[in-house]
Amino acid sequence: MSEPVGPLMLEFLAWISSRHRTYAEAMEAWQTTCPRHTVWEDALIEGFIRMESQDDQCEVILTERGRAMLEESNKTGGPDSQMFHPDRQDQERIGGN
């Protein structure tokens, strides 16, 4: 990858990749009115995610580029294994560690 992404973007990509996510679920968990936290919009602009219709719902999925970014982060010891799901009350760690 040409340019590293920040920990918030890696957390978002890991969250999307952890299971099927609907658009409504992603918007509820990741929407913000703060212009300094534009992870959703940045992921779309950078081509890391896309929306796809599945059974009358819109699903958010990683693109090839998004998967590659997440895989590269894993190879270089990125922080995704220490991140938290924003939608879990118990703050369960992702990544199996």
PDB file of N, CA and C in Angstrom:
ATOM      1  N   MET A   1       0.846  -1.177   0.000  1.00  0.00           N
ATOM      2  CA  MET A   1       0.000   0.000   0.000  1.00  0.00           C
ATOM      3  C   MET A   1       0.887   1.235   0.000  1.00  0.00           C
ATOM      4  N   SER A   2       0.411   2.255  -0.611  1.00  0.00           N
ATOM      5  CA  SER A   2       1.230   3.445  -0.770  1.00  0.00           C
ATOM      6  C   SER A   2       1.234   4.347   0.452  1.00  0.00           C
ATOM      7  N   GLU A   3       0.123   4.449   1.139  1.00  0.00           N
ATOM      8  CA  GLU A   3       0.034   5.389   2.244  1.00  0.00           C
ATOM      9  C   GLU A   3      -0.651   4.713   3.438  1.00  0.00           C
ATOM     10  N   PRO A   4      -0.051   4.767   4.618  1.00  0.00           N
ATOM     11  CA  PRO A   4      -0.683   4.128   5.774  1.00  0.00           C
ATOM     12  C   PRO A   4      -1.951   4.866   6.188  1.00  0.00           C
ATOM     13  N   VAL A   5      -2.856   4.130   6.781  1.00  0.00           N
ATOM     14  CA  VAL A   5      -4.078   4.738   7.283  1.00  0.00           C
ATOM     15  C   VAL A   5      -4.032   4.736   8.804  1.00  0.00           C
ATOM     16  N   GLY A   6      -4.858   5.563   9.400  1.00  0.00           N
ATOM     17  CA  GLY A   6      -4.864   5.702  10.844  1.00  0.00           C
ATOM     18  C   GLY A   6      -5.556   4.550  11.552  1.00  0.00           C
ATOM     19  N   PRO A   7      -5.363   4.492  12.867  1.00  0.00           N
ATOM     20  CA  PRO A   7      -5.953   3.415  13.658  1.00  0.00           C
ATOM     21  C   PRO A   7      -7.478   3.382  13.610  1.00  0.00           C
ATOM     22  N   LEU A   8      -8.126   4.530  13.530  1.00  0.00           N
ATOM     23  CA  LEU A   8      -9.582   4.545  13.466  1.00  0.00           C
ATOM     24  C   LEU A   8     -10.074   3.895  12.171  1.00  0.00           C
ATOM     25  N   MET A   9      -9.399   4.156  11.066  1.00  0.00           N
ATOM     26  CA  MET A   9      -9.779   3.537   9.798  1.00  0.00           C
ATOM     27  C   MET A   9      -9.565   2.027   9.875  1.00  0.00           C
ATOM     28  N   LEU A  10      -8.453   1.598  10.443  1.00  0.00           N
ATOM     29  CA  LEU A  10      -8.195   0.165  10.576  1.00  0.00           C
ATOM     30  C   LEU A  10      -9.239  -0.497  11.468  1.00  0.00           C
ATOM     31  N   GLU A  11      -9.653   0.194  12.510  1.00  0.00           N
ATOM     32  CA  GLU A  11     -10.697  -0.333  13.383  1.00  0.00           C
ATOM     33  C   GLU A  11     -12.005  -0.476  12.614  1.00  0.00           C
ATOM     34  N   PHE A  12     -12.340   0.527  11.831  1.00  0.00           N
ATOM     35  CA  PHE A  12     -13.553   0.484  11.026  1.00  0.00           C
ATOM     36  C   PHE A  12     -13.513  -0.678  10.038  1.00  0.00           C
ATOM     37  N   LEU A  13     -12.400  -0.848   9.333  1.00  0.00           N
ATOM     38  CA  LEU A  13     -12.280  -1.927   8.366  1.00  0.00           C
ATOM     39  C   LEU A  13     -12.364  -3.290   9.051  1.00  0.00           C
ATOM     40  N   ALA A  14     -11.735  -3.422  10.207  1.00  0.00           N
ATOM     41  CA  ALA A  14     -11.805  -4.677  10.960  1.00  0.00           C
ATOM     42  C   ALA A  14     -13.234  -4.946  11.417  1.00  0.00           C
ATOM     43  N   TRP A  15     -13.934  -3.919  11.845  1.00  0.00           N
ATOM     44  CA  TRP A  15     -15.321  -4.062  12.281  1.00  0.00           C
ATOM     45  C   TRP A  15     -16.202  -4.522  11.128  1.00  0.00           C
ATOM     46  N   ILE A  16     -16.029  -3.914   9.960  1.00  0.00           N
ATOM     47  CA  ILE A  16     -16.809  -4.306   8.782  1.00  0.00           C
ATOM     48  C   ILE A  16     -16.503  -5.756   8.412  1.00  0.00           C
ATOM     49  N   SER A  17     -15.247  -6.152   8.488  1.00  0.00           N
ATOM     50  CA  SER A  17     -14.857  -7.489   8.041  1.00  0.00           C
ATOM     51  C   SER A  17     -15.225  -8.589   9.037  1.00  0.00           C
ATOM     52  N   SER A  18     -15.557  -8.236  10.268  1.00  0.00           N
ATOM     53  CA  SER A  18     -15.775  -9.251  11.294  1.00  0.00           C
ATOM     54  C   SER A  18     -17.056 -10.059  11.101  1.00  0.00           C
ATOM     55  N   ARG A  19     -18.050  -9.493  10.402  1.00  0.00           N
ATOM     56  CA  ARG A  19     -19.294 -10.210  10.087  1.00  0.00           C
ATOM     57  C   ARG A  19     -20.111  -9.365   9.122  1.00  0.00           C
ATOM     58  N   HIS A  20     -21.221  -9.915   8.640  1.00  0.00           N
ATOM     59  CA  HIS A  20     -22.083  -9.144   7.735  1.00  0.00           C
ATOM     60  C   HIS A  20     -22.607  -7.923   8.469  1.00  0.00           C
ATOM     61  N   ARG A  21     -22.504  -6.758   7.817  1.00  0.00           N
ATOM     62  CA  ARG A  21     -22.969  -5.498   8.392  1.00  0.00           C
ATOM     63  C   ARG A  21     -23.933  -4.825   7.431  1.00  0.00           C
ATOM     64  N   THR A  22     -25.096  -4.465   7.930  1.00  0.00           N
ATOM     65  CA  THR A  22     -26.028  -3.724   7.088  1.00  0.00           C
ATOM     66  C   THR A  22     -25.625  -2.250   7.106  1.00  0.00           C
ATOM     67  N   TYR A  23     -26.111  -1.542   6.103  1.00  0.00           N
ATOM     68  CA  TYR A  23     -25.859  -0.103   6.035  1.00  0.00           C
ATOM     69  C   TYR A  23     -26.411   0.578   7.277  1.00  0.00           C
ATOM     70  N   ALA A  24     -27.641   0.220   7.667  1.00  0.00           N
ATOM     71  CA  ALA A  24     -28.259   0.845   8.838  1.00  0.00           C
ATOM     72  C   ALA A  24     -27.436   0.586  10.096  1.00  0.00           C
ATOM     73  N   GLU A  25     -26.952  -0.630  10.261  1.00  0.00           N
ATOM     74  CA  GLU A  25     -26.126  -0.973  11.422  1.00  0.00           C
ATOM     75  C   GLU A  25     -24.818  -0.172  11.424  1.00  0.00           C
ATOM     76  N   ALA A  26     -24.193  -0.082  10.273  1.00  0.00           N
ATOM     77  CA  ALA A  26     -22.935   0.657  10.177  1.00  0.00           C
ATOM     78  C   ALA A  26     -23.141   2.144  10.446  1.00  0.00           C
ATOM     79  N   MET A  27     -24.211   2.689   9.909  1.00  0.00           N
ATOM     80  CA  MET A  27     -24.472   4.112  10.141  1.00  0.00           C
ATOM     81  C   MET A  27     -24.768   4.388  11.615  1.00  0.00           C
ATOM     82  N   GLU A  28     -25.497   3.493  12.253  1.00  0.00           N
ATOM     83  CA  GLU A  28     -25.809   3.683  13.663  1.00  0.00           C
ATOM     84  C   GLU A  28     -24.544   3.621  14.524  1.00  0.00           C
ATOM     85  N   ALA A  29     -23.674   2.690  14.210  1.00  0.00           N
ATOM     86  CA  ALA A  29     -22.463   2.505  15.016  1.00  0.00           C
ATOM     87  C   ALA A  29     -21.369   3.523  14.710  1.00  0.00           C
ATOM     88  N   TRP A  30     -21.318   4.032  13.473  1.00  0.00           N
ATOM     89  CA  TRP A  30     -20.186   4.848  13.053  1.00  0.00           C
ATOM     90  C   TRP A  30     -20.531   6.261  12.616  1.00  0.00           C
ATOM     91  N   GLN A  31     -21.775   6.673  12.701  1.00  0.00           N
ATOM     92  CA  GLN A  31     -22.083   8.036  12.270  1.00  0.00           C
ATOM     93  C   GLN A  31     -21.527   9.049  13.268  1.00  0.00           C
ATOM     94  N   THR A  32     -21.209  10.195  12.762  1.00  0.00           N
ATOM     95  CA  THR A  32     -20.682  11.261  13.607  1.00  0.00           C
ATOM     96  C   THR A  32     -21.035  12.604  12.987  1.00  0.00           C
ATOM     97  N   THR A  33     -21.130  13.588  13.824  1.00  0.00           N
ATOM     98  CA  THR A  33     -21.316  14.949  13.325  1.00  0.00           C
ATOM     99  C   THR A  33     -20.025  15.741  13.457  1.00  0.00           C
ATOM    100  N   CYS A  34     -18.994  15.072  13.923  1.00  0.00           N
ATOM    101  CA  CYS A  34     -17.703  15.721  14.095  1.00  0.00           C
ATOM    102  C   CYS A  34     -16.923  15.660  12.782  1.00  0.00           C
ATOM    103  N   PRO A  35     -16.580  16.811  12.213  1.00  0.00           N
ATOM    104  CA  PRO A  35     -15.852  16.799  10.936  1.00  0.00           C
ATOM    105  C   PRO A  35     -14.436  16.231  11.043  1.00  0.00           C
ATOM    106  N   ARG A  36     -13.941  16.038  12.258  1.00  0.00           N
ATOM    107  CA  ARG A  36     -12.600  15.472  12.429  1.00  0.00           C
ATOM    108  C   ARG A  36     -12.608  13.949  12.410  1.00  0.00           C
ATOM    109  N   HIS A  37     -13.796  13.329  12.474  1.00  0.00           N
ATOM    110  CA  HIS A  37     -13.908  11.871  12.474  1.00  0.00           C
ATOM    111  C   HIS A  37     -14.771  11.426  11.300  1.00  0.00           C
ATOM    112  N   THR A  38     -14.189  11.445  10.133  1.00  0.00           N
ATOM    113  CA  THR A  38     -14.932  11.154   8.913  1.00  0.00           C
ATOM    114  C   THR A  38     -14.615   9.765   8.377  1.00  0.00           C
ATOM    115  N   VAL A  39     -14.459   8.791   9.252  1.00  0.00           N
ATOM    116  CA  VAL A  39     -14.016   7.468   8.842  1.00  0.00           C
ATOM    117  C   VAL A  39     -14.939   6.844   7.805  1.00  0.00           C
ATOM    118  N   TRP A  40     -16.232   6.999   7.967  1.00  0.00           N
ATOM    119  CA  TRP A  40     -17.183   6.435   7.011  1.00  0.00           C
ATOM    120  C   TRP A  40     -16.977   7.034   5.623  1.00  0.00           C
ATOM    121  N   GLU A  41     -16.969   8.356   5.546  1.00  0.00           N
ATOM    122  CA  GLU A  41     -16.795   9.033   4.262  1.00  0.00           C
ATOM    123  C   GLU A  41     -15.417   8.758   3.668  1.00  0.00           C
ATOM    124  N   ASP A  42     -14.395   8.762   4.518  1.00  0.00           N
ATOM    125  CA  ASP A  42     -13.040   8.494   4.037  1.00  0.00           C
ATOM    126  C   ASP A  42     -12.918   7.084   3.462  1.00  0.00           C
ATOM    127  N   ALA A  43     -13.565   6.109   4.100  1.00  0.00           N
ATOM    128  CA  ALA A  43     -13.521   4.733   3.606  1.00  0.00           C
ATOM    129  C   ALA A  43     -14.184   4.622   2.233  1.00  0.00           C
ATOM    130  N   LEU A  44     -15.266   5.352   2.034  1.00  0.00           N
ATOM    131  CA  LEU A  44     -15.915   5.364   0.720  1.00  0.00           C
ATOM    132  C   LEU A  44     -15.040   6.038  -0.327  1.00  0.00           C
ATOM    133  N   ILE A  45     -14.505   7.208   0.018  1.00  0.00           N
ATOM    134  CA  ILE A  45     -13.665   7.970  -0.917  1.00  0.00           C
ATOM    135  C   ILE A  45     -12.422   7.175  -1.312  1.00  0.00           C
ATOM    136  N   GLU A  46     -11.806   6.511  -0.345  1.00  0.00           N
ATOM    137  CA  GLU A  46     -10.581   5.742  -0.612  1.00  0.00           C
ATOM    138  C   GLU A  46     -10.860   4.407  -1.301  1.00  0.00           C
ATOM    139  N   GLY A  47     -12.133   4.044  -1.404  1.00  0.00           N
ATOM    140  CA  GLY A  47     -12.479   2.783  -2.061  1.00  0.00           C
ATOM    141  C   GLY A  47     -12.244   1.565  -1.188  1.00  0.00           C
ATOM    142  N   PHE A  48     -12.309   1.720   0.127  1.00  0.00           N
ATOM    143  CA  PHE A  48     -12.111   0.604   1.053  1.00  0.00           C
ATOM    144  C   PHE A  48     -13.394  -0.189   1.279  1.00  0.00           C
ATOM    145  N   ILE A  49     -14.544   0.449   1.110  1.00  0.00           N
ATOM    146  CA  ILE A  49     -15.834  -0.220   1.311  1.00  0.00           C
ATOM    147  C   ILE A  49     -16.758   0.090   0.151  1.00  0.00           C
ATOM    148  N   ARG A  50     -17.811  -0.732   0.044  1.00  0.00           N
ATOM    149  CA  ARG A  50     -18.874  -0.453  -0.917  1.00  0.00           C
ATOM    150  C   ARG A  50     -20.167  -1.020  -0.351  1.00  0.00           C
ATOM    151  N   MET A  51     -21.288  -0.554  -0.882  1.00  0.00           N
ATOM    152  CA  MET A  51     -22.586  -1.064  -0.483  1.00  0.00           C
ATOM    153  C   MET A  51     -23.068  -2.027  -1.548  1.00  0.00           C
ATOM    154  N   GLU A  52     -23.716  -3.093  -1.084  1.00  0.00           N
ATOM    155  CA  GLU A  52     -24.227  -4.107  -1.990  1.00  0.00           C
ATOM    156  C   GLU A  52     -25.594  -4.558  -1.487  1.00  0.00           C
ATOM    157  N   SER A  53     -26.561  -4.655  -2.384  1.00  0.00           N
ATOM    158  CA  SER A  53     -27.906  -5.089  -1.994  1.00  0.00           C
ATOM    159  C   SER A  53     -27.916  -6.593  -1.761  1.00  0.00           C
ATOM    160  N   GLN A  54     -28.459  -6.993  -0.607  1.00  0.00           N
ATOM    161  CA  GLN A  54     -28.586  -8.394  -0.229  1.00  0.00           C
ATOM    162  C   GLN A  54     -29.946  -8.598   0.429  1.00  0.00           C
ATOM    163  N   ASP A  55     -30.833  -9.353  -0.195  1.00  0.00           N
ATOM    164  CA  ASP A  55     -32.121  -9.701   0.408  1.00  0.00           C
ATOM    165  C   ASP A  55     -32.858  -8.488   0.966  1.00  0.00           C
ATOM    166  N   ASP A  56     -33.122  -7.506   0.157  1.00  0.00           N
ATOM    167  CA  ASP A  56     -33.860  -6.301   0.537  1.00  0.00           C
ATOM    168  C   ASP A  56     -33.149  -5.443   1.576  1.00  0.00           C
ATOM    169  N   GLN A  57     -31.867  -5.669   1.790  1.00  0.00           N
ATOM    170  CA  GLN A  57     -31.075  -4.827   2.693  1.00  0.00           C
ATOM    171  C   GLN A  57     -29.802  -4.425   1.973  1.00  0.00           C
ATOM    172  N   CYS A  58     -29.287  -3.307   2.382  1.00  0.00           N
ATOM    173  CA  CYS A  58     -28.021  -2.848   1.834  1.00  0.00           C
ATOM    174  C   CYS A  58     -26.927  -3.272   2.808  1.00  0.00           C
ATOM    175  N   GLU A  59     -25.957  -4.014   2.307  1.00  0.00           N
ATOM    176  CA  GLU A  59     -24.869  -4.510   3.137  1.00  0.00           C
ATOM    177  C   GLU A  59     -23.593  -3.724   2.821  1.00  0.00           C
ATOM    178  N   VAL A  60     -22.810  -3.467   3.849  1.00  0.00           N
ATOM    179  CA  VAL A  60     -21.526  -2.791   3.690  1.00  0.00           C
ATOM    180  C   VAL A  60     -20.450  -3.866   3.668  1.00  0.00           C
ATOM    181  N   ILE A  61     -19.628  -3.863   2.630  1.00  0.00           N
ATOM    182  CA  ILE A  61     -18.577  -4.868   2.518  1.00  0.00           C
ATOM    183  C   ILE A  61     -17.249  -4.208   2.166  1.00  0.00           C
ATOM    184  N   LEU A  62     -16.177  -4.898   2.488  1.00  0.00           N
ATOM    185  CA  LEU A  62     -14.848  -4.415   2.113  1.00  0.00           C
ATOM    186  C   LEU A  62     -14.609  -4.670   0.635  1.00  0.00           C
ATOM    187  N   THR A  63     -13.935  -3.748   0.010  1.00  0.00           N
ATOM    188  CA  THR A  63     -13.495  -3.936  -1.371  1.00  0.00           C
ATOM    189  C   THR A  63     -12.163  -4.685  -1.326  1.00  0.00           C
ATOM    190  N   GLU A  64     -11.666  -5.025  -2.490  1.00  0.00           N
ATOM    191  CA  GLU A  64     -10.328  -5.641  -2.567  1.00  0.00           C
ATOM    192  C   GLU A  64      -9.294  -4.732  -1.899  1.00  0.00           C
ATOM    193  N   ARG A  65      -9.413  -3.447  -2.159  1.00  0.00           N
ATOM    194  CA  ARG A  65      -8.475  -2.483  -1.590  1.00  0.00           C
ATOM    195  C   ARG A  65      -8.592  -2.423  -0.065  1.00  0.00           C
ATOM    196  N   GLY A  66      -9.810  -2.471   0.446  1.00  0.00           N
ATOM    197  CA  GLY A  66     -10.025  -2.469   1.885  1.00  0.00           C
ATOM    198  C   GLY A  66      -9.453  -3.711   2.545  1.00  0.00           C
ATOM    199  N   ARG A  67      -9.682  -4.881   1.926  1.00  0.00           N
ATOM    200  CA  ARG A  67      -9.120  -6.133   2.472  1.00  0.00           C
ATOM    201  C   ARG A  67      -7.594  -6.087   2.449  1.00  0.00           C
ATOM    202  N   ALA A  68      -7.035  -5.569   1.367  1.00  0.00           N
ATOM    203  CA  ALA A  68      -5.574  -5.484   1.257  1.00  0.00           C
ATOM    204  C   ALA A  68      -5.001  -4.569   2.345  1.00  0.00           C
ATOM    205  N   MET A  69      -5.677  -3.455   2.604  1.00  0.00           N
ATOM    206  CA  MET A  69      -5.210  -2.530   3.637  1.00  0.00           C
ATOM    207  C   MET A  69      -5.236  -3.202   5.007  1.00  0.00           C
ATOM    208  N   LEU A  70      -6.296  -3.925   5.292  1.00  0.00           N
ATOM    209  CA  LEU A  70      -6.420  -4.616   6.570  1.00  0.00           C
ATOM    210  C   LEU A  70      -5.385  -5.733   6.691  1.00  0.00           C
ATOM    211  N   GLU A  71      -5.186  -6.492   5.621  1.00  0.00           N
ATOM    212  CA  GLU A  71      -4.180  -7.556   5.624  1.00  0.00           C
ATOM    213  C   GLU A  71      -2.776  -6.993   5.813  1.00  0.00           C
ATOM    214  N   GLU A  72      -2.480  -5.896   5.157  1.00  0.00           N
ATOM    215  CA  GLU A  72      -1.163  -5.283   5.316  1.00  0.00           C
ATOM    216  C   GLU A  72      -0.938  -4.829   6.746  1.00  0.00           C
ATOM    217  N   SER A  73      -1.954  -4.281   7.339  1.00  0.00           N
ATOM    218  CA  SER A  73      -1.860  -3.857   8.736  1.00  0.00           C
ATOM    219  C   SER A  73      -1.590  -5.057   9.638  1.00  0.00           C
ATOM    220  N   ASN A  74      -2.237  -6.185   9.363  1.00  0.00           N
ATOM    221  CA  ASN A  74      -2.015  -7.394  10.156  1.00  0.00           C
ATOM    222  C   ASN A  74      -0.582  -7.890  10.015  1.00  0.00           C
ATOM    223  N   LYS A  75      -0.033  -7.831   8.799  1.00  0.00           N
ATOM    224  CA  LYS A  75       1.335  -8.283   8.553  1.00  0.00           C
ATOM    225  C   LYS A  75       2.366  -7.419   9.265  1.00  0.00           C
ATOM    226  N   THR A  76       2.086  -6.138   9.351  1.00  0.00           N
ATOM    227  CA  THR A  76       3.058  -5.213   9.945  1.00  0.00           C
ATOM    228  C   THR A  76       2.792  -4.972  11.427  1.00  0.00           C
ATOM    229  N   GLY A  77       1.933  -5.807  12.006  1.00  0.00           N
ATOM    230  CA  GLY A  77       1.659  -5.651  13.436  1.00  0.00           C
ATOM    231  C   GLY A  77       0.753  -4.486  13.738  1.00  0.00           C
ATOM    232  N   GLY A  78      -0.196  -4.220  12.842  1.00  0.00           N
ATOM    233  CA  GLY A  78      -1.135  -3.119  13.035  1.00  0.00           C
ATOM    234  C   GLY A  78      -1.966  -3.285  14.285  1.00  0.00           C
ATOM    235  N   PRO A  79      -2.633  -2.236  14.683  1.00  0.00           N
ATOM    236  CA  PRO A  79      -3.337  -2.229  15.959  1.00  0.00           C
ATOM    237  C   PRO A  79      -4.691  -2.921  15.951  1.00  0.00           C
ATOM    238  N   ASP A  80      -5.117  -3.541  14.835  1.00  0.00           N
ATOM    239  CA  ASP A  80      -6.494  -4.039  14.782  1.00  0.00           C
ATOM    240  C   ASP A  80      -6.798  -5.119  15.801  1.00  0.00           C
ATOM    241  N   SER A  81      -5.839  -5.899  16.252  1.00  0.00           N
ATOM    242  CA  SER A  81      -6.126  -6.929  17.243  1.00  0.00           C
ATOM    243  C   SER A  81      -6.367  -6.333  18.623  1.00  0.00           C
ATOM    244  N   GLN A  82      -6.046  -5.081  18.820  1.00  0.00           N
ATOM    245  CA  GLN A  82      -6.267  -4.427  20.101  1.00  0.00           C
ATOM    246  C   GLN A  82      -7.466  -3.499  20.080  1.00  0.00           C
ATOM    247  N   MET A  83      -8.216  -3.502  18.985  1.00  0.00           N
ATOM    248  CA  MET A  83      -9.322  -2.571  18.847  1.00  0.00           C
ATOM    249  C   MET A  83     -10.601  -3.118  19.427  1.00  0.00           C
ATOM    250  N   PHE A  84     -11.546  -2.236  19.606  1.00  0.00           N
ATOM    251  CA  PHE A  84     -12.824  -2.580  20.188  1.00  0.00           C
ATOM    252  C   PHE A  84     -13.943  -2.348  19.196  1.00  0.00           C
ATOM    253  N   HIS A  85     -14.973  -3.188  19.289  1.00  0.00           N
ATOM    254  CA  HIS A  85     -16.179  -2.969  18.489  1.00  0.00           C
ATOM    255  C   HIS A  85     -16.958  -1.826  19.105  1.00  0.00           C
ATOM    256  N   PRO A  86     -17.385  -0.854  18.322  1.00  0.00           N
ATOM    257  CA  PRO A  86     -18.152   0.258  18.886  1.00  0.00           C
ATOM    258  C   PRO A  86     -19.567  -0.145  19.271  1.00  0.00           C
ATOM    259  N   ASP A  87     -20.042  -1.298  18.789  1.00  0.00           N
ATOM    260  CA  ASP A  87     -21.422  -1.674  19.051  1.00  0.00           C
ATOM    261  C   ASP A  87     -21.564  -2.703  20.171  1.00  0.00           C
ATOM    262  N   ARG A  88     -20.512  -3.002  20.886  1.00  0.00           N
ATOM    263  CA  ARG A  88     -20.591  -3.979  21.961  1.00  0.00           C
ATOM    264  C   ARG A  88     -20.429  -3.294  23.301  1.00  0.00           C
ATOM    265  N   GLN A  89     -21.398  -3.503  24.173  1.00  0.00           N
ATOM    266  CA  GLN A  89     -21.372  -2.887  25.495  1.00  0.00           C
ATOM    267  C   GLN A  89     -20.193  -3.365  26.328  1.00  0.00           C
ATOM    268  N   ASP A  90     -19.836  -4.638  26.169  1.00  0.00           N
ATOM    269  CA  ASP A  90     -18.776  -5.191  27.001  1.00  0.00           C
ATOM    270  C   ASP A  90     -17.378  -4.915  26.441  1.00  0.00           C
ATOM    271  N   GLN A  91     -17.308  -4.206  25.326  1.00  0.00           N
ATOM    272  CA  GLN A  91     -16.035  -3.849  24.712  1.00  0.00           C
ATOM    273  C   GLN A  91     -15.171  -5.077  24.436  1.00  0.00           C
ATOM    274  N   GLU A  92     -15.799  -6.137  23.932  1.00  0.00           N
ATOM    275  CA  GLU A  92     -15.076  -7.367  23.604  1.00  0.00           C
ATOM    276  C   GLU A  92     -14.025  -7.082  22.540  1.00  0.00           C
ATOM    277  N   ARG A  93     -12.829  -7.585  22.749  1.00  0.00           N
ATOM    278  CA  ARG A  93     -11.752  -7.388  21.779  1.00  0.00           C
ATOM    279  C   ARG A  93     -12.006  -8.222  20.549  1.00  0.00           C
ATOM    280  N   ILE A  94     -11.584  -7.690  19.406  1.00  0.00           N
ATOM    281  CA  ILE A  94     -11.710  -8.426  18.144  1.00  0.00           C
ATOM    282  C   ILE A  94     -10.355  -8.978  17.774  1.00  0.00           C
ATOM    283  N   GLY A  95     -10.342  -9.847  16.812  1.00  0.00           N
ATOM    284  CA  GLY A  95      -9.083 -10.376  16.299  1.00  0.00           C
ATOM    285  C   GLY A  95      -8.647 -11.646  16.997  1.00  0.00           C
ATOM    286  N   GLY A  96      -9.431 -12.158  17.939  1.00  0.00           N
ATOM    287  CA  GLY A  96      -9.120 -13.426  18.567  1.00  0.00           C
ATOM    288  C   GLY A  96      -8.021 -13.380  19.593  1.00  0.00           C
ATOM    289  N   ASN A  97      -7.526 -12.213  19.959  1.00  0.00           N
ATOM    290  CA  ASN A  97      -6.461 -12.133  20.975  1.00  0.00           C
ATOM    291  C   ASN A  97      -6.997 -11.567  22.259  1.00  0.00           C
TER     292      ASN A  97
END
